[in-house]
Amino acid sequence: MKITIKGEMTLADIARTLREVMYSLEEEHRLRYTRGATLYINPTNGFGDEIKVWTKDGHELVTLTATGPYRSAAEDFNL
């Protein structure tokens, strides 16, 4: 399944849009599980010009991997 968000916007707006899309998939389409997701973003400077993102040690940030939301100890021990 492909989800496309069009137009230049802030990361906060992208995140809010993704939450709205996920809510729609859950509530309107009854989708509950997926085996992961890949999100491609096109960084800009706010004026439509593409930019590169750099790490603190001067390397270009090309791939960022996440393992899911932070789980608290209360969740791990069913508290």
Protein backbone atom coordinates (compact mmCIF):
# COMPACT_ATOMS: atom_id res chain seq x y z
CA MET A 1 0.00 0.00 0.00
CA LYS A 2 1.35 3.42 -0.91
CA ILE A 3 0.43 6.63 0.94
CA THR A 4 1.32 9.92 -0.78
CA ILE A 5 1.32 13.30 0.95
CA LYS A 6 1.71 16.15 -1.51
CA GLY A 7 3.06 19.64 -1.00
CA GLU A 8 5.83 21.24 1.03
CA MET A 9 5.05 21.40 4.76
CA THR A 10 6.70 21.21 8.14
CA LEU A 11 7.62 17.90 9.74
CA ALA A 12 4.93 18.57 12.36
CA ASP A 13 2.33 18.89 9.59
CA ILE A 14 3.59 15.68 7.96
CA ALA A 15 3.36 13.87 11.32
CA ARG A 16 -0.17 15.17 11.91
CA THR A 17 -1.20 14.10 8.41
CA LEU A 18 0.27 10.63 8.96
CA ARG A 19 -1.66 10.29 12.24
CA GLU A 20 -4.86 11.26 10.43
CA VAL A 21 -4.18 8.73 7.66
CA MET A 22 -3.38 5.98 10.18
CA TYR A 23 -6.56 6.77 12.10
CA SER A 24 -8.53 6.51 8.86
CA LEU A 25 -6.94 3.17 8.01
CA GLU A 26 -7.78 1.82 11.47
CA GLU A 27 -11.29 3.19 11.85
CA GLU A 28 -12.68 3.37 8.33
CA HIS A 29 -10.82 0.48 6.71
CA ARG A 30 -10.35 -1.79 9.75
CA LEU A 31 -6.61 -2.21 9.15
CA ARG A 32 -4.88 -3.23 12.39
CA TYR A 33 -1.42 -4.64 11.57
CA THR A 34 1.45 -4.20 9.13
CA ARG A 35 4.94 -5.70 8.86
CA GLY A 36 6.63 -2.33 9.03
CA ALA A 37 6.72 0.75 6.85
CA THR A 38 9.17 2.79 4.82
CA LEU A 39 8.81 6.56 4.75
CA TYR A 40 10.72 8.56 2.17
CA ILE A 41 10.97 12.30 2.79
CA ASN A 42 12.33 15.01 0.52
CA PRO A 43 14.02 17.59 2.80
CA THR A 44 13.72 21.23 1.71
CA ASN A 45 14.75 24.62 3.06
CA GLY A 46 11.18 25.93 3.29
CA PHE A 47 11.40 27.62 -0.10
CA GLY A 48 11.15 24.42 -2.15
CA ASP A 49 14.89 23.92 -2.60
CA GLU A 50 16.16 20.42 -1.79
CA ILE A 51 18.74 20.15 1.00
CA LYS A 52 20.87 17.39 2.52
CA VAL A 53 20.70 16.43 6.19
CA TRP A 54 23.98 15.90 8.05
CA THR A 55 24.91 14.01 11.22
CA LYS A 56 26.84 15.63 14.06
CA ASP A 57 30.06 14.04 12.82
CA GLY A 58 29.67 15.44 9.30
CA HIS A 59 28.21 12.52 7.36
CA GLU A 60 25.16 12.80 5.16
CA LEU A 61 22.11 11.23 6.82
CA VAL A 62 20.68 8.86 4.21
CA THR A 63 18.90 6.19 6.26
CA LEU A 64 17.40 6.38 9.73
CA THR A 65 16.11 3.16 11.30
CA ALA A 66 13.57 2.96 14.12
CA THR A 67 12.37 -0.11 16.01
CA GLY A 68 9.01 1.23 17.14
CA PRO A 69 7.72 3.37 19.98
CA TYR A 70 9.46 3.61 23.35
CA ARG A 71 8.13 0.99 25.74
CA SER A 72 8.08 1.87 29.41
CA ALA A 73 8.86 -0.60 32.20
CA ALA A 74 5.20 -0.44 33.18
CA GLU A 75 4.25 -1.79 29.76
CA ASP A 76 6.87 -4.55 29.94
CA PHE A 77 5.63 -5.71 33.35
CA ASN A 78 1.91 -5.07 32.72
CA LEU A 79 1.67 -2.51 35.51
